């Protein structure tokens, strides 16, 4: 008695082993999709629901027939949500449709990897694949890519010092966009605060991802240098040694100009003039922040000691010892 086996259902991409019995020789029709139509157990890979007819011949040369229906179910049409871009540390939703149950991979950064939708929080750009299963057990898959944009990081000087009334240029690099505490959106700003002030800037990329806030402290020196000095002596014959006493306030750097082309950076120098003449002495006092103050002293007179003065005078202009 020919027996083609029980009817079965498969998905369109699957194969099934047919299992005939009851004879010595076997012949299956139709033979399309069969690995070998002349064996009792060919592998069938039909692309649509097919009724296979089995003809057998037993040892008595009796012919028997039977049939089996292989139902071919289509795959579910599984779709996934659109690819998206997020900032690092910002979650994104992924979702799927078209099936009865779902399984997402990789699952480590998903809140619900076995649900239709899940919250994704990847550390880097990730492609998630979802496998959907329908009521027939047929499966299909789709994918969605979450691109992760890292927040930009800034580089630049974290502090600057200026004198009151001056300005400072604050500059940073490392981001496509910037948002300063004063509302500016450029990579550098010029500021002139009256008092010491802390400024901040947030780096921003085109997606709107904000990096760590970068702080810049501007110290304002309100005590400006006051240049002042005393000279002793201020007049005398050459060589004349003059002691200069520095009385400047709020300064740390000094430049002396002695009027004869020579200079000194000492705090309170002693200088010797070897030639007669009148010399203008200048002192420039600086606090190191680029805010110098200059004072002038114009009363260094060096006399010619070689002049000979008469010890006696003859009156009436007779031409002797006048």
C-alpha atoms as a PDB file:
ATOM      1  CA  UNK A   1       0.000   0.000   0.000  1.00  0.00           C
ATOM      2  CA  UNK A   2       1.524   3.304  -1.091  1.00  0.00           C
ATOM      3  CA  UNK A   3       1.929   5.889   1.681  1.00  0.00           C
ATOM      4  CA  UNK A   4       3.235   9.399   0.865  1.00  0.00           C
ATOM      5  CA  UNK A   5       3.249  10.562   4.499  1.00  0.00           C
ATOM      6  CA  UNK A   6       1.338  13.275   6.306  1.00  0.00           C
ATOM      7  CA  UNK A   7       0.592  16.699   4.905  1.00  0.00           C
ATOM      8  CA  UNK A   8       2.948  19.389   6.183  1.00  0.00           C
ATOM      9  CA  UNK A   9       3.489  23.115   6.066  1.00  0.00           C
ATOM     10  CA  UNK A  10       6.795  24.918   5.513  1.00  0.00           C
ATOM     11  CA  UNK A  11       8.000  28.442   4.893  1.00  0.00           C
ATOM     12  CA  UNK A  12       8.948  29.390   1.371  1.00  0.00           C
ATOM     13  CA  UNK A  13      12.670  29.340   2.011  1.00  0.00           C
ATOM     14  CA  UNK A  14      12.605  25.946   3.713  1.00  0.00           C
ATOM     15  CA  UNK A  15      12.928  22.362   2.522  1.00  0.00           C
ATOM     16  CA  UNK A  16      11.169  19.232   3.750  1.00  0.00           C
ATOM     17  CA  UNK A  17      12.016  15.527   3.614  1.00  0.00           C
ATOM     18  CA  UNK A  18       9.305  13.481   1.938  1.00  0.00           C
ATOM     19  CA  UNK A  19       8.922   9.987   3.380  1.00  0.00           C
ATOM     20  CA  UNK A  20       7.205   7.414   1.178  1.00  0.00           C
ATOM     21  CA  UNK A  21       6.656   3.727   1.881  1.00  0.00           C
ATOM     22  CA  UNK A  22       4.860   0.604   0.583  1.00  0.00           C
ATOM     23  CA  UNK A  23       6.917  -0.378  -2.420  1.00  0.00           C
ATOM     24  CA  UNK A  24      10.222  -1.409  -3.929  1.00  0.00           C
ATOM     25  CA  UNK A  25      10.422   1.373  -6.466  1.00  0.00           C
ATOM     26  CA  UNK A  26       9.203   4.927  -6.078  1.00  0.00           C
ATOM     27  CA  UNK A  27       8.286   7.783  -8.318  1.00  0.00           C
ATOM     28  CA  UNK A  28       7.281  11.233  -7.196  1.00  0.00           C
ATOM     29  CA  UNK A  29       5.515  13.812  -9.339  1.00  0.00           C
ATOM     30  CA  UNK A  30       5.812  16.624 -10.018  1.00  0.00           C
ATOM     31  CA  UNK A  31       9.567  16.282  -9.823  1.00  0.00           C
ATOM     32  CA  UNK A  32      10.335  20.069  -9.845  1.00  0.00           C
ATOM     33  CA  UNK A  33      11.886  21.025  -6.545  1.00  0.00           C
ATOM     34  CA  UNK A  34      12.814  17.442  -5.639  1.00  0.00           C
ATOM     35  CA  UNK A  35      16.361  16.266  -5.153  1.00  0.00           C
ATOM     36  CA  UNK A  36      15.589  12.819  -6.600  1.00  0.00           C
ATOM     37  CA  UNK A  37      12.061  11.797  -7.608  1.00  0.00           C
ATOM     38  CA  UNK A  38      12.958   8.095  -7.668  1.00  0.00           C
ATOM     39  CA  UNK A  39      13.790   7.548  -4.008  1.00  0.00           C
ATOM     40  CA  UNK A  40      11.425   7.053  -1.114  1.00  0.00           C
ATOM     41  CA  UNK A  41      12.709  10.143   0.761  1.00  0.00           C
ATOM     42  CA  UNK A  42      13.601  12.999  -1.575  1.00  0.00           C
ATOM     43  CA  UNK A  43      14.085  16.519  -0.268  1.00  0.00           C
ATOM     44  CA  UNK A  44      11.386  18.874  -1.519  1.00  0.00           C
ATOM     45  CA  UNK A  45      11.853  22.637  -1.869  1.00  0.00           C
ATOM     46  CA  UNK A  46       8.639  23.867  -3.428  1.00  0.00           C
ATOM     47  CA  UNK A  47       8.125  27.562  -4.076  1.00  0.00           C
ATOM     48  CA  UNK A  48       4.365  27.271  -3.664  1.00  0.00           C
ATOM     49  CA  UNK A  49       1.872  24.880  -2.114  1.00  0.00           C
ATOM     50  CA  UNK A  50       2.284  21.592  -3.960  1.00  0.00           C
ATOM     51  CA  UNK A  51       0.570  18.175  -3.973  1.00  0.00           C
ATOM     52  CA  UNK A  52       3.155  15.456  -4.539  1.00  0.00           C
ATOM     53  CA  UNK A  53       1.852  12.129  -5.940  1.00  0.00           C
ATOM     54  CA  UNK A  54       3.743   8.996  -5.039  1.00  0.00           C
ATOM     55  CA  UNK A  55       3.588   5.879  -7.251  1.00  0.00           C
ATOM     56  CA  UNK A  56       5.084   2.697  -5.898  1.00  0.00           C
ATOM     57  CA  UNK A  57       5.589  -0.824  -7.241  1.00  0.00           C
ATOM     58  CA  UNK A  58       5.706  -3.586  -4.696  1.00  0.00           C
ATOM     59  CA  UNK A  59       7.280  -7.023  -4.874  1.00  0.00           C
ATOM     60  CA  UNK A  60       4.229  -8.375  -6.623  1.00  0.00           C
ATOM     61  CA  UNK A  61       4.512  -5.739  -9.336  1.00  0.00           C
ATOM     62  CA  UNK A  62       1.386  -4.172  -7.970  1.00  0.00           C
ATOM     63  CA  UNK A  63       1.183  -0.404  -8.410  1.00  0.00           C
ATOM     64  CA  UNK A  64      -0.109   1.847  -5.666  1.00  0.00           C
ATOM     65  CA  UNK A  65      -0.438   5.630  -5.380  1.00  0.00           C
ATOM     66  CA  UNK A  66      -0.816   8.190  -2.636  1.00  0.00           C
ATOM     67  CA  UNK A  67      -0.381  11.937  -2.288  1.00  0.00           C
ATOM     68  CA  UNK A  68       0.902  14.468   0.219  1.00  0.00           C
ATOM     69  CA  UNK A  69       0.282  18.213   0.361  1.00  0.00           C
ATOM     70  CA  UNK A  70       3.217  20.497   1.220  1.00  0.00           C
ATOM     71  CA  UNK A  71       1.764  23.858   2.109  1.00  0.00           C
ATOM     72  CA  UNK A  72       4.205  26.730   1.445  1.00  0.00           C
ATOM     73  CA  UNK A  73       3.672  29.786   3.595  1.00  0.00           C
ATOM     74  CA  UNK A  74       5.169  33.165   2.602  1.00  0.00           C
ATOM     75  CA  UNK A  75       7.660  34.945   4.824  1.00  0.00           C
ATOM     76  CA  UNK A  76       6.356  37.822   6.901  1.00  0.00           C
ATOM     77  CA  UNK A  77       7.165  41.274   5.590  1.00  0.00           C
ATOM     78  CA  UNK A  78       9.183  42.633   8.493  1.00  0.00           C
ATOM     79  CA  UNK A  79      10.047  46.330   8.539  1.00  0.00           C
ATOM     80  CA  UNK A  80      12.136  48.349  10.962  1.00  0.00           C
ATOM     81  CA  UNK A  81      12.160  51.997  11.930  1.00  0.00           C
ATOM     82  CA  UNK A  82      14.285  54.471   9.987  1.00  0.00           C
ATOM     83  CA  UNK A  83      18.006  54.903  10.535  1.00  0.00           C
ATOM     84  CA  UNK A  84      18.766  57.770  12.858  1.00  0.00           C
ATOM     85  CA  UNK A  85      21.600  59.744  14.422  1.00  0.00           C
ATOM     86  CA  UNK A  86      21.893  60.532  18.119  1.00  0.00           C
ATOM     87  CA  UNK A  87      24.375  62.198  20.427  1.00  0.00           C
ATOM     88  CA  UNK A  88      26.498  59.968  22.602  1.00  0.00           C
ATOM     89  CA  UNK A  89      24.533  59.223  25.748  1.00  0.00           C
ATOM     90  CA  UNK A  90      21.178  60.000  24.128  1.00  0.00           C
ATOM     91  CA  UNK A  91      18.759  57.052  23.712  1.00  0.00           C
ATOM     92  CA  UNK A  92      16.825  56.253  20.549  1.00  0.00           C
ATOM     93  CA  UNK A  93      13.759  54.096  19.950  1.00  0.00           C
ATOM     94  CA  UNK A  94      13.883  51.197  17.493  1.00  0.00           C
ATOM     95  CA  UNK A  95      10.740  49.426  16.392  1.00  0.00           C
ATOM     96  CA  UNK A  96       9.582  46.744  13.972  1.00  0.00           C
ATOM     97  CA  UNK A  97       6.330  45.670  12.328  1.00  0.00           C
ATOM     98  CA  UNK A  98       4.886  42.837  10.238  1.00  0.00           C
ATOM     99  CA  UNK A  99       5.310  39.834  12.528  1.00  0.00           C
ATOM    100  CA  UNK A 100       3.915  38.251  15.679  1.00  0.00           C
ATOM    101  CA  UNK A 101       7.072  38.137  17.789  1.00  0.00           C
ATOM    102  CA  UNK A 102      10.451  39.806  17.545  1.00  0.00           C
ATOM    103  CA  UNK A 103      14.061  39.296  18.574  1.00  0.00           C
ATOM    104  CA  UNK A 104      16.682  42.073  18.348  1.00  0.00           C
ATOM    105  CA  UNK A 105      20.481  41.737  18.158  1.00  0.00           C
ATOM    106  CA  UNK A 106      22.870  42.876  19.454  1.00  0.00           C
ATOM    107  CA  UNK A 107      20.858  42.965  22.625  1.00  0.00           C
ATOM    108  CA  UNK A 108      23.328  44.400  25.147  1.00  0.00           C
ATOM    109  CA  UNK A 109      22.385  48.043  24.604  1.00  0.00           C
ATOM    110  CA  UNK A 110      18.623  47.436  24.233  1.00  0.00           C
ATOM    111  CA  UNK A 111      16.057  47.773  26.979  1.00  0.00           C
ATOM    112  CA  UNK A 112      13.663  45.175  25.514  1.00  0.00           C
ATOM    113  CA  UNK A 113      15.395  42.964  22.930  1.00  0.00           C
ATOM    114  CA  UNK A 114      12.381  40.626  22.616  1.00  0.00           C
ATOM    115  CA  UNK A 115       9.735  43.276  22.091  1.00  0.00           C
ATOM    116  CA  UNK A 116       8.331  44.998  19.052  1.00  0.00           C
ATOM    117  CA  UNK A 117      10.038  48.234  20.119  1.00  0.00           C
ATOM    118  CA  UNK A 118      12.960  48.920  22.377  1.00  0.00           C
ATOM    119  CA  UNK A 119      15.058  51.740  23.751  1.00  0.00           C
ATOM    120  CA  UNK A 120      18.598  51.691  22.346  1.00  0.00           C
ATOM    121  CA  UNK A 121      21.567  53.318  24.065  1.00  0.00           C
ATOM    122  CA  UNK A 122      24.685  52.297  22.110  1.00  0.00           C
ATOM    123  CA  UNK A 123      28.185  53.560  22.935  1.00  0.00           C
ATOM    124  CA  UNK A 124      29.057  53.714  19.248  1.00  0.00           C
ATOM    125  CA  UNK A 125      27.306  53.509  15.898  1.00  0.00           C
ATOM    126  CA  UNK A 126      25.410  50.206  15.775  1.00  0.00           C
ATOM    127  CA  UNK A 127      23.250  48.309  13.293  1.00  0.00           C
ATOM    128  CA  UNK A 128      20.436  46.436  15.024  1.00  0.00           C
ATOM    129  CA  UNK A 129      18.865  43.423  13.308  1.00  0.00           C
ATOM    130  CA  UNK A 130      15.354  42.299  14.193  1.00  0.00           C
ATOM    131  CA  UNK A 131      14.019  38.828  13.343  1.00  0.00           C
ATOM    132  CA  UNK A 132      10.233  38.684  13.151  1.00  0.00           C
ATOM    133  CA  UNK A 133       8.253  35.437  13.416  1.00  0.00           C
ATOM    134  CA  UNK A 134       4.664  35.102  12.190  1.00  0.00           C
ATOM    135  CA  UNK A 135       1.886  32.717  13.268  1.00  0.00           C
ATOM    136  CA  UNK A 136       3.165  30.034  10.866  1.00  0.00           C
ATOM    137  CA  UNK A 137       6.630  30.125  12.407  1.00  0.00           C
ATOM    138  CA  UNK A 138       8.079  31.770   9.314  1.00  0.00           C
ATOM    139  CA  UNK A 139      10.766  34.330   9.910  1.00  0.00           C
ATOM    140  CA  UNK A 140      12.137  37.359   8.161  1.00  0.00           C
ATOM    141  CA  UNK A 141      14.407  40.167   9.260  1.00  0.00           C
ATOM    142  CA  UNK A 142      15.086  43.869   8.910  1.00  0.00           C
ATOM    143  CA  UNK A 143      17.689  46.239  10.294  1.00  0.00           C
ATOM    144  CA  UNK A 144      18.050  49.789  11.545  1.00  0.00           C
ATOM    145  CA  UNK A 145      21.282  51.717  12.102  1.00  0.00           C
ATOM    146  CA  UNK A 146      21.775  54.089  15.015  1.00  0.00           C
ATOM    147  CA  UNK A 147      24.712  56.404  14.273  1.00  0.00           C
ATOM    148  CA  UNK A 148      26.288  57.855  17.392  1.00  0.00           C
ATOM    149  CA  UNK A 149      27.915  61.267  17.235  1.00  0.00           C
ATOM    150  CA  UNK A 150      30.453  61.934  19.955  1.00  0.00           C
ATOM    151  CA  UNK A 151      30.313  65.344  21.564  1.00  0.00           C
ATOM    152  CA  UNK A 152      33.212  67.594  20.568  1.00  0.00           C
ATOM    153  CA  UNK A 153      35.933  68.491  23.092  1.00  0.00           C
ATOM    154  CA  UNK A 154      37.567  71.902  23.272  1.00  0.00           C
ATOM    155  CA  UNK A 155      41.174  72.984  23.612  1.00  0.00           C
ATOM    156  CA  UNK A 156      42.458  76.404  24.528  1.00  0.00           C
ATOM    157  CA  UNK A 157      43.930  78.568  27.265  1.00  0.00           C
ATOM    158  CA  UNK A 158      41.969  78.375  30.501  1.00  0.00           C
ATOM    159  CA  UNK A 159      43.075  81.743  31.865  1.00  0.00           C
ATOM    160  CA  UNK A 160      44.343  85.179  30.872  1.00  0.00           C
ATOM    161  CA  UNK A 161      45.365  88.336  32.712  1.00  0.00           C
ATOM    162  CA  UNK A 162      44.858  91.929  31.634  1.00  0.00           C
ATOM    163  CA  UNK A 163      45.038  95.388  33.121  1.00  0.00           C
ATOM    164  CA  UNK A 164      41.823  97.252  33.701  1.00  0.00           C
ATOM    165  CA  UNK A 165      40.816  99.067  30.546  1.00  0.00           C
ATOM    166  CA  UNK A 166      42.496  96.543  28.267  1.00  0.00           C
ATOM    167  CA  UNK A 167      40.920  93.648  26.354  1.00  0.00           C
ATOM    168  CA  UNK A 168      41.665  89.942  26.056  1.00  0.00           C
ATOM    169  CA  UNK A 169      41.065  87.586  23.137  1.00  0.00           C
ATOM    170  CA  UNK A 170      39.689  84.203  24.232  1.00  0.00           C
ATOM    171  CA  UNK A 171      40.145  81.447  21.662  1.00  0.00           C
ATOM    172  CA  UNK A 172      39.208  77.740  21.538  1.00  0.00           C
ATOM    173  CA  UNK A 173      39.373  74.968  18.936  1.00  0.00           C
ATOM    174  CA  UNK A 174      37.937  71.502  18.465  1.00  0.00           C
ATOM    175  CA  UNK A 175      34.290  71.927  17.474  1.00  0.00           C
ATOM    176  CA  UNK A 176      32.213  72.899  14.421  1.00  0.00           C
ATOM    177  CA  UNK A 177      30.142  75.270  16.542  1.00  0.00           C
ATOM    178  CA  UNK A 178      30.411  77.229  19.769  1.00  0.00           C
ATOM    179  CA  UNK A 179      28.103  78.910  22.251  1.00  0.00           C
ATOM    180  CA  UNK A 180      29.743  81.433  24.593  1.00  0.00           C
ATOM    181  CA  UNK A 181      28.346  82.774  27.814  1.00  0.00           C
ATOM    182  CA  UNK A 182      28.085  86.205  26.200  1.00  0.00           C
ATOM    183  CA  UNK A 183      26.004  84.825  23.322  1.00  0.00           C
ATOM    184  CA  UNK A 184      28.794  84.695  20.726  1.00  0.00           C
ATOM    185  CA  UNK A 185      28.995  81.692  18.385  1.00  0.00           C
ATOM    186  CA  UNK A 186      32.526  82.097  16.994  1.00  0.00           C
ATOM    187  CA  UNK A 187      35.715  80.282  17.951  1.00  0.00           C
ATOM    188  CA  UNK A 188      37.133  83.397  19.614  1.00  0.00           C
ATOM    189  CA  UNK A 189      35.785  86.436  21.387  1.00  0.00           C
ATOM    190  CA  UNK A 190      37.258  89.695  22.628  1.00  0.00           C
ATOM    191  CA  UNK A 191      36.314  90.792  26.131  1.00  0.00           C
ATOM    192  CA  UNK A 192      37.160  93.803  28.286  1.00  0.00           C
ATOM    193  CA  UNK A 193      35.746  93.196  31.759  1.00  0.00           C
ATOM    194  CA  UNK A 194      36.171  95.763  34.534  1.00  0.00           C
ATOM    195  CA  UNK A 195      36.617  93.011  37.105  1.00  0.00           C
ATOM    196  CA  UNK A 196      37.937  89.469  37.076  1.00  0.00           C
ATOM    197  CA  UNK A 197      35.375  87.338  35.229  1.00  0.00           C
ATOM    198  CA  UNK A 198      34.870  83.690  34.328  1.00  0.00           C
ATOM    199  CA  UNK A 199      33.639  83.014  30.800  1.00  0.00           C
ATOM    200  CA  UNK A 200      32.414  79.671  29.454  1.00  0.00           C
ATOM    201  CA  UNK A 201      31.840  78.134  26.057  1.00  0.00           C
ATOM    202  CA  UNK A 202      29.924  74.996  25.045  1.00  0.00           C
ATOM    203  CA  UNK A 203      31.075  73.044  21.941  1.00  0.00           C
ATOM    204  CA  UNK A 204      28.296  71.985  19.569  1.00  0.00           C
ATOM    205  CA  UNK A 205      28.358  69.712  16.519  1.00  0.00           C
ATOM    206  CA  UNK A 206      25.941  69.920  13.541  1.00  0.00           C
ATOM    207  CA  UNK A 207      23.631  67.369  15.173  1.00  0.00           C
ATOM    208  CA  UNK A 208      23.301  69.625  18.191  1.00  0.00           C
ATOM    209  CA  UNK A 209      25.389  67.436  20.499  1.00  0.00           C
ATOM    210  CA  UNK A 210      26.910  69.536  23.260  1.00  0.00           C
ATOM    211  CA  UNK A 211      30.277  68.709  24.763  1.00  0.00           C
ATOM    212  CA  UNK A 212      31.629  69.554  28.193  1.00  0.00           C
ATOM    213  CA  UNK A 213      31.567  73.218  29.125  1.00  0.00           C
ATOM    214  CA  UNK A 214      34.983  74.881  28.782  1.00  0.00           C
ATOM    215  CA  UNK A 215      35.790  77.642  31.294  1.00  0.00           C
ATOM    216  CA  UNK A 216      38.177  80.577  30.824  1.00  0.00           C
ATOM    217  CA  UNK A 217      39.096  82.848  33.721  1.00  0.00           C
ATOM    218  CA  UNK A 218      40.119  86.428  32.944  1.00  0.00           C
ATOM    219  CA  UNK A 219      41.972  88.119  35.798  1.00  0.00           C
ATOM    220  CA  UNK A 220      41.750  91.926  35.772  1.00  0.00           C
ATOM    221  CA  UNK A 221      44.558  93.812  37.477  1.00  0.00           C
ATOM    222  CA  UNK A 222      43.106  97.049  38.779  1.00  0.00           C
ATOM    223  CA  UNK A 223      46.304  98.308  40.444  1.00  0.00           C
ATOM    224  CA  UNK A 224      48.187  99.752  37.492  1.00  0.00           C
ATOM    225  CA  UNK A 225      51.939 100.423  37.709  1.00  0.00           C
ATOM    226  CA  UNK A 226      52.993 103.831  39.068  1.00  0.00           C
ATOM    227  CA  UNK A 227      56.526 104.696  37.955  1.00  0.00           C
ATOM    228  CA  UNK A 228      58.499 106.990  40.258  1.00  0.00           C
ATOM    229  CA  UNK A 229      62.169 107.356  41.240  1.00  0.00           C
ATOM    230  CA  UNK A 230      64.719 109.615  42.885  1.00  0.00           C
ATOM    231  CA  UNK A 231      68.247 110.367  41.701  1.00  0.00           C
ATOM    232  CA  UNK A 232      71.209 111.416  43.859  1.00  0.00           C
ATOM    233  CA  UNK A 233      73.129 113.447  42.951  1.00  0.00           C
ATOM    234  CA  UNK A 234      71.495 115.205  40.042  1.00  0.00           C
ATOM    235  CA  UNK A 235      74.463 117.431  39.199  1.00  0.00           C
ATOM    236  CA  UNK A 236      78.225 117.260  39.456  1.00  0.00           C
ATOM    237  CA  UNK A 237      81.522 116.944  37.603  1.00  0.00           C
ATOM    238  CA  UNK A 238      82.349 113.944  35.471  1.00  0.00           C
ATOM    239  CA  UNK A 239      82.706 111.088  36.111  1.00  0.00           C
ATOM    240  CA  UNK A 240      79.470 111.462  37.981  1.00  0.00           C
ATOM    241  CA  UNK A 241      78.104 108.423  39.858  1.00  0.00           C
ATOM    242  CA  UNK A 242      74.349 108.642  40.334  1.00  0.00           C
ATOM    243  CA  UNK A 243      72.286 106.432  42.636  1.00  0.00           C
ATOM    244  CA  UNK A 244      68.755 105.839  41.378  1.00  0.00           C
ATOM    245  CA  UNK A 245      66.156 104.862  43.969  1.00  0.00           C
ATOM    246  CA  UNK A 246      63.102 103.129  42.537  1.00  0.00           C
ATOM    247  CA  UNK A 247      59.869 104.234  44.245  1.00  0.00           C
ATOM    248  CA  UNK A 248      57.456 102.633  41.764  1.00  0.00           C
ATOM    249  CA  UNK A 249      54.291 100.890  42.906  1.00  0.00           C
ATOM    250  CA  UNK A 250      52.488  97.788  41.541  1.00  0.00           C
ATOM    251  CA  UNK A 251      55.323  96.903  39.168  1.00  0.00           C
ATOM    252  CA  UNK A 252      57.638  93.931  38.805  1.00  0.00           C
ATOM    253  CA  UNK A 253      59.702  94.777  35.720  1.00  0.00           C
ATOM    254  CA  UNK A 254      61.781  97.872  35.124  1.00  0.00           C
ATOM    255  CA  UNK A 255      63.699  99.427  32.248  1.00  0.00           C
ATOM    256  CA  UNK A 256      65.975 102.401  32.831  1.00  0.00           C
ATOM    257  CA  UNK A 257      67.040 104.682  29.984  1.00  0.00           C
ATOM    258  CA  UNK A 258      70.014 106.784  31.138  1.00  0.00           C
ATOM    259  CA  UNK A 259      69.926 109.259  28.269  1.00  0.00           C
ATOM    260  CA  UNK A 260      73.254 108.241  26.747  1.00  0.00           C
ATOM    261  CA  UNK A 261      72.056 105.159  24.897  1.00  0.00           C
ATOM    262  CA  UNK A 262      72.561 102.735  27.776  1.00  0.00           C
ATOM    263  CA  UNK A 263      69.788 100.892  29.623  1.00  0.00           C
ATOM    264  CA  UNK A 264      69.400  98.735  32.720  1.00  0.00           C
ATOM    265  CA  UNK A 265      66.786  96.339  34.104  1.00  0.00           C
ATOM    266  CA  UNK A 266      67.904  96.554  37.704  1.00  0.00           C
ATOM    267  CA  UNK A 267      65.431  97.646  40.320  1.00  0.00           C
ATOM    268  CA  UNK A 268      67.538 100.558  41.679  1.00  0.00           C
ATOM    269  CA  UNK A 269      70.730 100.869  39.647  1.00  0.00           C
ATOM    270  CA  UNK A 270      73.819 102.967  40.204  1.00  0.00           C
ATOM    271  CA  UNK A 271      75.135 104.531  37.007  1.00  0.00           C
ATOM    272  CA  UNK A 272      78.249 106.533  36.180  1.00  0.00           C
ATOM    273  CA  UNK A 273      78.313 109.293  33.578  1.00  0.00           C
ATOM    274  CA  UNK A 274      81.758 109.784  32.025  1.00  0.00           C
ATOM    275  CA  UNK A 275      81.009 112.654  29.669  1.00  0.00           C
ATOM    276  CA  UNK A 276      79.767 116.146  30.402  1.00  0.00           C
ATOM    277  CA  UNK A 277      76.288 116.995  29.307  1.00  0.00           C
ATOM    278  CA  UNK A 278      72.608 117.072  30.190  1.00  0.00           C
ATOM    279  CA  UNK A 279      70.897 113.686  30.345  1.00  0.00           C
ATOM    280  CA  UNK A 280      67.215 112.816  30.320  1.00  0.00           C
ATOM    281  CA  UNK A 281      66.610 109.702  32.426  1.00  0.00           C
ATOM    282  CA  UNK A 282      63.465 107.660  31.856  1.00  0.00           C
ATOM    283  CA  UNK A 283      62.040 104.765  33.895  1.00  0.00           C
ATOM    284  CA  UNK A 284      59.446 102.372  32.465  1.00  0.00           C
ATOM    285  CA  UNK A 285      57.673 100.305  35.138  1.00  0.00           C
ATOM    286  CA  UNK A 286      55.627  97.275  34.078  1.00  0.00           C
ATOM    287  CA  UNK A 287      53.548  94.708  35.986  1.00  0.00           C
ATOM    288  CA  UNK A 288      54.197  91.943  33.469  1.00  0.00           C
ATOM    289  CA  UNK A 289      50.693  92.198  32.011  1.00  0.00           C
ATOM    290  CA  UNK A 290      51.600  94.659  29.295  1.00  0.00           C
ATOM    291  CA  UNK A 291      50.482  97.761  31.154  1.00  0.00           C
ATOM    292  CA  UNK A 292      53.661  99.868  31.526  1.00  0.00           C
ATOM    293  CA  UNK A 293      53.916 103.377  32.982  1.00  0.00           C
ATOM    294  CA  UNK A 294      56.729 105.746  32.151  1.00  0.00           C
ATOM    295  CA  UNK A 295      58.120 108.683  34.089  1.00  0.00           C
ATOM    296  CA  UNK A 296      60.772 111.206  32.992  1.00  0.00           C
ATOM    297  CA  UNK A 297      63.564 112.799  34.987  1.00  0.00           C
ATOM    298  CA  UNK A 298      65.409 115.486  33.090  1.00  0.00           C
ATOM    299  CA  UNK A 299      67.801 116.891  35.647  1.00  0.00           C
ATOM    300  CA  UNK A 300      71.059 114.985  35.451  1.00  0.00           C
ATOM    301  CA  UNK A 301      73.755 117.552  34.655  1.00  0.00           C
ATOM    302  CA  UNK A 302      77.364 116.461  34.316  1.00  0.00           C
ATOM    303  CA  UNK A 303      79.913 119.307  34.423  1.00  0.00           C
ATOM    304  CA  UNK A 304      83.346 119.517  32.790  1.00  0.00           C
ATOM    305  CA  UNK A 305      85.742 119.421  35.754  1.00  0.00           C
ATOM    306  CA  UNK A 306      88.668 120.488  33.538  1.00  0.00           C
ATOM    307  CA  UNK A 307      87.574 124.105  33.377  1.00  0.00           C
ATOM    308  CA  UNK A 308      90.078 126.381  35.233  1.00  0.00           C
ATOM    309  CA  UNK A 309      88.604 129.283  37.159  1.00  0.00           C
ATOM    310  CA  UNK A 310      90.850 132.293  38.112  1.00  0.00           C
ATOM    311  CA  UNK A 311      91.579 132.777  41.792  1.00  0.00           C
ATOM    312  CA  UNK A 312      92.081 136.635  41.568  1.00  0.00           C
ATOM    313  CA  UNK A 313      90.278 139.348  39.657  1.00  0.00           C
ATOM    314  CA  UNK A 314      91.704 142.696  38.416  1.00  0.00           C
ATOM    315  CA  UNK A 315      89.141 145.483  38.239  1.00  0.00           C
ATOM    316  CA  UNK A 316      88.599 148.035  35.577  1.00  0.00           C
ATOM    317  CA  UNK A 317      89.021 145.603  32.690  1.00  0.00           C
ATOM    318  CA  UNK A 318      92.731 145.976  32.152  1.00  0.00           C
ATOM    319  CA  UNK A 319      92.858 142.508  30.620  1.00  0.00           C
ATOM    320  CA  UNK A 320      94.640 140.722  33.446  1.00  0.00           C
ATOM    321  CA  UNK A 321      92.726 138.152  35.453  1.00  0.00           C
ATOM    322  CA  UNK A 322      89.395 139.492  34.177  1.00  0.00           C
END
